[in-house]
Amino acid sequence: MLVPRGEWWTAAFCADPGPEMYCDVCTVPEWNAAGTVLRTVDLDLDVVRPRGGEARTEDEEEFAEHQVRYGYPDRVVGKARQTCEWLMEAGRRGGDGVEPFASVYRYWLSLIG
Protein backbone atom coordinates (compact mmCIF):
# COMPACT_ATOMS: atom_id res chain seq x y z
CA MET A 1 0.00 0.00 0.00
CA LEU A 2 1.20 3.47 -0.86
CA VAL A 3 0.37 6.40 1.44
CA PRO A 4 1.66 9.58 -0.22
CA ARG A 5 2.39 12.66 1.85
CA GLY A 6 0.00 15.56 1.46
CA GLU A 7 -2.23 13.89 -1.13
CA TRP A 8 -5.93 13.02 -1.05
CA TRP A 9 -5.50 9.33 -1.93
CA THR A 10 -3.94 6.01 -1.02
CA ALA A 11 -3.13 3.19 -3.42
CA ALA A 12 -2.87 -0.55 -3.18
CA PHE A 13 -1.16 -2.68 -5.80
CA CYS A 14 -2.40 -6.23 -5.62
CA ALA A 15 -1.00 -9.61 -6.55
CA ASP A 16 -3.09 -11.82 -8.81
CA PRO A 17 -6.08 -12.34 -8.69
CA GLY A 18 -6.71 -8.85 -7.28
CA PRO A 19 -6.84 -5.66 -9.33
CA GLU A 20 -3.51 -4.22 -10.42
CA MET A 21 -4.36 -0.89 -8.80
CA TYR A 22 -6.94 0.11 -6.20
CA CYS A 23 -6.93 3.76 -5.12
CA ASP A 24 -9.06 5.26 -2.37
CA VAL A 25 -9.92 8.94 -2.59
CA CYS A 26 -9.67 10.17 1.00
CA THR A 27 -8.69 13.10 3.15
CA VAL A 28 -4.96 13.66 3.48
CA PRO A 29 -3.59 10.71 5.48
CA GLU A 30 -1.99 11.66 8.79
CA TRP A 31 0.32 9.51 10.93
CA ASN A 32 0.40 9.82 14.70
CA ALA A 33 3.62 11.08 16.34
CA ALA A 34 4.99 7.55 16.73
CA GLY A 35 4.29 6.74 13.09
CA THR A 36 2.21 3.71 14.06
CA VAL A 37 -1.37 4.86 13.44
CA LEU A 38 -2.70 6.23 10.18
CA ARG A 39 -5.83 8.39 10.14
CA THR A 40 -7.81 9.37 7.06
CA VAL A 41 -11.44 9.63 6.01
CA ASP A 42 -12.45 7.46 3.06
CA LEU A 43 -14.55 9.62 0.74
CA ASP A 44 -15.99 6.57 -1.05
CA LEU A 45 -14.67 7.34 -4.54
CA ASP A 46 -12.31 4.64 -5.76
CA VAL A 47 -10.23 4.33 -8.91
CA VAL A 48 -9.66 0.69 -9.82
CA ARG A 49 -7.66 -0.81 -12.65
CA PRO A 50 -8.34 -4.51 -13.09
CA ARG A 51 -5.55 -6.74 -14.29
CA GLY A 52 -5.25 -6.19 -18.05
CA GLY A 53 -8.01 -3.55 -18.06
CA GLU A 54 -8.48 0.19 -17.94
CA ALA A 55 -8.95 2.34 -14.85
CA ARG A 56 -12.53 3.07 -13.81
CA THR A 57 -14.23 5.04 -11.05
CA GLU A 58 -16.32 3.16 -8.51
CA ASP A 59 -18.80 4.14 -5.79
CA GLU A 60 -19.89 7.49 -7.21
CA GLU A 61 -23.41 6.85 -5.89
CA GLU A 62 -22.10 6.40 -2.34
CA PHE A 63 -20.04 9.57 -2.67
CA ALA A 64 -23.12 11.54 -3.77
CA GLU A 65 -25.25 10.06 -0.98
CA HIS A 66 -22.63 10.75 1.70
CA GLN A 67 -22.15 14.35 0.51
CA VAL A 68 -25.70 14.96 1.66
CA ARG A 69 -25.77 12.65 4.70
CA TYR A 70 -22.51 13.91 6.20
CA GLY A 71 -22.57 17.45 4.83
CA TYR A 72 -19.23 17.38 3.01
CA PRO A 73 -18.06 20.97 2.52
CA ASP A 74 -17.83 22.16 -1.11
CA ARG A 75 -14.02 22.29 -0.78
CA VAL A 76 -13.92 18.59 0.15
CA VAL A 77 -16.26 17.60 -2.69
CA GLY A 78 -14.19 19.60 -5.19
CA LYS A 79 -10.88 18.18 -4.00
CA ALA A 80 -12.26 14.62 -4.04
CA ARG A 81 -13.50 14.99 -7.62
CA GLN A 82 -10.25 16.63 -8.71
CA THR A 83 -8.24 13.82 -7.11
CA CYS A 84 -10.43 11.16 -8.73
CA GLU A 85 -9.90 12.72 -12.17
CA TRP A 86 -6.14 12.91 -11.59
CA LEU A 87 -6.01 9.26 -10.51
CA MET A 88 -7.94 8.22 -13.63
CA GLU A 89 -5.37 9.94 -15.84
CA ALA A 90 -2.35 8.85 -13.80
CA GLY A 91 -3.56 5.25 -13.77
CA ARG A 92 -3.87 4.90 -17.53
CA ARG A 93 -2.44 1.68 -18.87
CA GLY A 94 0.74 1.62 -20.90
CA GLY A 95 3.10 4.50 -21.54
CA ASP A 96 0.44 7.09 -20.77
CA GLY A 97 0.41 6.38 -17.03
CA VAL A 98 2.65 8.02 -14.46
CA GLU A 99 4.59 6.37 -11.67
CA PRO A 100 3.95 4.66 -9.39
CA PHE A 101 0.93 3.52 -11.40
CA ALA A 102 2.69 2.70 -14.68
CA SER A 103 5.16 -0.03 -13.77
CA VAL A 104 7.28 0.53 -10.64
CA TYR A 105 4.79 -1.36 -8.47
CA ARG A 106 5.60 -4.56 -10.39
CA TYR A 107 9.04 -4.74 -8.78
CA TRP A 108 7.57 -4.68 -5.27
CA LEU A 109 4.93 -7.25 -6.15
CA SER A 110 7.64 -9.54 -7.52
CA LEU A 111 9.18 -9.66 -4.05
CA ILE A 112 6.10 -11.39 -2.63
CA GLY A 113 5.86 -13.98 -5.39
C-alpha atoms as a PDB file:
ATOM      1  CA  MET A   1       0.000   0.000   0.000  1.00  0.00           C
ATOM      2  CA  LEU A   2       1.204   3.472  -0.858  1.00  0.00           C
ATOM      3  CA  VAL A   3       0.373   6.398   1.441  1.00  0.00           C
ATOM      4  CA  PRO A   4       1.656   9.576  -0.216  1.00  0.00           C
ATOM      5  CA  ARG A   5       2.388  12.662   1.855  1.00  0.00           C
ATOM      6  CA  GLY A   6       0.004  15.562   1.459  1.00  0.00           C
ATOM      7  CA  GLU A   7      -2.232  13.892  -1.127  1.00  0.00           C
ATOM      8  CA  TRP A   8      -5.933  13.022  -1.054  1.00  0.00           C
ATOM      9  CA  TRP A   9      -5.496   9.334  -1.931  1.00  0.00           C
ATOM     10  CA  THR A  10      -3.937   6.010  -1.023  1.00  0.00           C
ATOM     11  CA  ALA A  11      -3.128   3.195  -3.423  1.00  0.00           C
ATOM     12  CA  ALA A  12      -2.868  -0.550  -3.178  1.00  0.00           C
ATOM     13  CA  PHE A  13      -1.160  -2.677  -5.800  1.00  0.00           C
ATOM     14  CA  CYS A  14      -2.405  -6.228  -5.624  1.00  0.00           C
ATOM     15  CA  ALA A  15      -1.004  -9.613  -6.551  1.00  0.00           C
ATOM     16  CA  ASP A  16      -3.094 -11.823  -8.811  1.00  0.00           C
ATOM     17  CA  PRO A  17      -6.078 -12.344  -8.685  1.00  0.00           C
ATOM     18  CA  GLY A  18      -6.708  -8.849  -7.275  1.00  0.00           C
ATOM     19  CA  PRO A  19      -6.843  -5.665  -9.327  1.00  0.00           C
ATOM     20  CA  GLU A  20      -3.512  -4.222 -10.419  1.00  0.00           C
ATOM     21  CA  MET A  21      -4.363  -0.893  -8.802  1.00  0.00           C
ATOM     22  CA  TYR A  22      -6.938   0.114  -6.205  1.00  0.00           C
ATOM     23  CA  CYS A  23      -6.932   3.761  -5.119  1.00  0.00           C
ATOM     24  CA  ASP A  24      -9.061   5.260  -2.373  1.00  0.00           C
ATOM     25  CA  VAL A  25      -9.916   8.943  -2.590  1.00  0.00           C
ATOM     26  CA  CYS A  26      -9.674  10.172   1.001  1.00  0.00           C
ATOM     27  CA  THR A  27      -8.693  13.097   3.151  1.00  0.00           C
ATOM     28  CA  VAL A  28      -4.955  13.664   3.483  1.00  0.00           C
ATOM     29  CA  PRO A  29      -3.589  10.708   5.480  1.00  0.00           C
ATOM     30  CA  GLU A  30      -1.987  11.659   8.793  1.00  0.00           C
ATOM     31  CA  TRP A  31       0.316   9.507  10.926  1.00  0.00           C
ATOM     32  CA  ASN A  32       0.403   9.815  14.699  1.00  0.00           C
ATOM     33  CA  ALA A  33       3.622  11.083  16.340  1.00  0.00           C
ATOM     34  CA  ALA A  34       4.991   7.548  16.730  1.00  0.00           C
ATOM     35  CA  GLY A  35       4.289   6.742  13.090  1.00  0.00           C
ATOM     36  CA  THR A  36       2.214   3.707  14.057  1.00  0.00           C
ATOM     37  CA  VAL A  37      -1.372   4.857  13.441  1.00  0.00           C
ATOM     38  CA  LEU A  38      -2.699   6.232  10.177  1.00  0.00           C
ATOM     39  CA  ARG A  39      -5.832   8.390  10.145  1.00  0.00           C
ATOM     40  CA  THR A  40      -7.814   9.366   7.063  1.00  0.00           C
ATOM     41  CA  VAL A  41     -11.438   9.632   6.008  1.00  0.00           C
ATOM     42  CA  ASP A  42     -12.446   7.457   3.057  1.00  0.00           C
ATOM     43  CA  LEU A  43     -14.552   9.622   0.741  1.00  0.00           C
ATOM     44  CA  ASP A  44     -15.992   6.571  -1.054  1.00  0.00           C
ATOM     45  CA  LEU A  45     -14.674   7.335  -4.540  1.00  0.00           C
ATOM     46  CA  ASP A  46     -12.306   4.639  -5.761  1.00  0.00           C
ATOM     47  CA  VAL A  47     -10.233   4.328  -8.907  1.00  0.00           C
ATOM     48  CA  VAL A  48      -9.665   0.695  -9.823  1.00  0.00           C
ATOM     49  CA  ARG A  49      -7.656  -0.811 -12.652  1.00  0.00           C
ATOM     50  CA  PRO A  50      -8.344  -4.513 -13.090  1.00  0.00           C
ATOM     51  CA  ARG A  51      -5.548  -6.742 -14.286  1.00  0.00           C
ATOM     52  CA  GLY A  52      -5.246  -6.186 -18.046  1.00  0.00           C
ATOM     53  CA  GLY A  53      -8.011  -3.548 -18.062  1.00  0.00           C
ATOM     54  CA  GLU A  54      -8.483   0.195 -17.935  1.00  0.00           C
ATOM     55  CA  ALA A  55      -8.950   2.342 -14.846  1.00  0.00           C
ATOM     56  CA  ARG A  56     -12.527   3.069 -13.808  1.00  0.00           C
ATOM     57  CA  THR A  57     -14.226   5.042 -11.052  1.00  0.00           C
ATOM     58  CA  GLU A  58     -16.320   3.156  -8.510  1.00  0.00           C
ATOM     59  CA  ASP A  59     -18.804   4.136  -5.792  1.00  0.00           C
ATOM     60  CA  GLU A  60     -19.891   7.487  -7.211  1.00  0.00           C
ATOM     61  CA  GLU A  61     -23.414   6.850  -5.886  1.00  0.00           C
ATOM     62  CA  GLU A  62     -22.101   6.400  -2.344  1.00  0.00           C
ATOM     63  CA  PHE A  63     -20.045   9.569  -2.666  1.00  0.00           C
ATOM     64  CA  ALA A  64     -23.119  11.542  -3.772  1.00  0.00           C
ATOM     65  CA  GLU A  65     -25.247  10.060  -0.978  1.00  0.00           C
ATOM     66  CA  HIS A  66     -22.629  10.750   1.696  1.00  0.00           C
ATOM     67  CA  GLN A  67     -22.145  14.349   0.515  1.00  0.00           C
ATOM     68  CA  VAL A  68     -25.702  14.962   1.663  1.00  0.00           C
ATOM     69  CA  ARG A  69     -25.770  12.655   4.700  1.00  0.00           C
ATOM     70  CA  TYR A  70     -22.505  13.911   6.202  1.00  0.00           C
ATOM     71  CA  GLY A  71     -22.568  17.453   4.829  1.00  0.00           C
ATOM     72  CA  TYR A  72     -19.229  17.384   3.014  1.00  0.00           C
ATOM     73  CA  PRO A  73     -18.065  20.972   2.519  1.00  0.00           C
ATOM     74  CA  ASP A  74     -17.827  22.157  -1.111  1.00  0.00           C
ATOM     75  CA  ARG A  75     -14.024  22.288  -0.783  1.00  0.00           C
ATOM     76  CA  VAL A  76     -13.918  18.589   0.155  1.00  0.00           C
ATOM     77  CA  VAL A  77     -16.259  17.605  -2.690  1.00  0.00           C
ATOM     78  CA  GLY A  78     -14.193  19.599  -5.189  1.00  0.00           C
ATOM     79  CA  LYS A  79     -10.885  18.179  -3.996  1.00  0.00           C
ATOM     80  CA  ALA A  80     -12.259  14.622  -4.037  1.00  0.00           C
ATOM     81  CA  ARG A  81     -13.501  14.989  -7.619  1.00  0.00           C
ATOM     82  CA  GLN A  82     -10.245  16.627  -8.714  1.00  0.00           C
ATOM     83  CA  THR A  83      -8.238  13.818  -7.106  1.00  0.00           C
ATOM     84  CA  CYS A  84     -10.429  11.165  -8.732  1.00  0.00           C
ATOM     85  CA  GLU A  85      -9.899  12.724 -12.173  1.00  0.00           C
ATOM     86  CA  TRP A  86      -6.141  12.908 -11.585  1.00  0.00           C
ATOM     87  CA  LEU A  87      -6.008   9.258 -10.514  1.00  0.00           C
ATOM     88  CA  MET A  88      -7.941   8.216 -13.629  1.00  0.00           C
ATOM     89  CA  GLU A  89      -5.373   9.943 -15.841  1.00  0.00           C
ATOM     90  CA  ALA A  90      -2.347   8.848 -13.798  1.00  0.00           C
ATOM     91  CA  GLY A  91      -3.565   5.254 -13.772  1.00  0.00           C
ATOM     92  CA  ARG A  92      -3.867   4.901 -17.533  1.00  0.00           C
ATOM     93  CA  ARG A  93      -2.441   1.675 -18.872  1.00  0.00           C
ATOM     94  CA  GLY A  94       0.739   1.619 -20.905  1.00  0.00           C
ATOM     95  CA  GLY A  95       3.095   4.502 -21.542  1.00  0.00           C
ATOM     96  CA  ASP A  96       0.442   7.090 -20.769  1.00  0.00           C
ATOM     97  CA  GLY A  97       0.407   6.377 -17.029  1.00  0.00           C
ATOM     98  CA  VAL A  98       2.653   8.016 -14.465  1.00  0.00           C
ATOM     99  CA  GLU A  99       4.590   6.373 -11.667  1.00  0.00           C
ATOM    100  CA  PRO A 100       3.953   4.664  -9.386  1.00  0.00           C
ATOM    101  CA  PHE A 101       0.930   3.519 -11.397  1.00  0.00           C
ATOM    102  CA  ALA A 102       2.690   2.704 -14.685  1.00  0.00           C
ATOM    103  CA  SER A 103       5.162  -0.029 -13.766  1.00  0.00           C
ATOM    104  CA  VAL A 104       7.278   0.535 -10.641  1.00  0.00           C
ATOM    105  CA  TYR A 105       4.791  -1.365  -8.467  1.00  0.00           C
ATOM    106  CA  ARG A 106       5.604  -4.557 -10.391  1.00  0.00           C
ATOM    107  CA  TYR A 107       9.044  -4.743  -8.780  1.00  0.00           C
ATOM    108  CA  TRP A 108       7.570  -4.679  -5.273  1.00  0.00           C
ATOM    109  CA  LEU A 109       4.928  -7.253  -6.147  1.00  0.00           C
ATOM    110  CA  SER A 110       7.637  -9.544  -7.521  1.00  0.00           C
ATOM    111  CA  LEU A 111       9.178  -9.661  -4.048  1.00  0.00           C
ATOM    112  CA  ILE A 112       6.104 -11.394  -2.634  1.00  0.00           C
ATOM    113  CA  GLY A 113       5.859 -13.980  -5.392  1.00  0.00           C
END
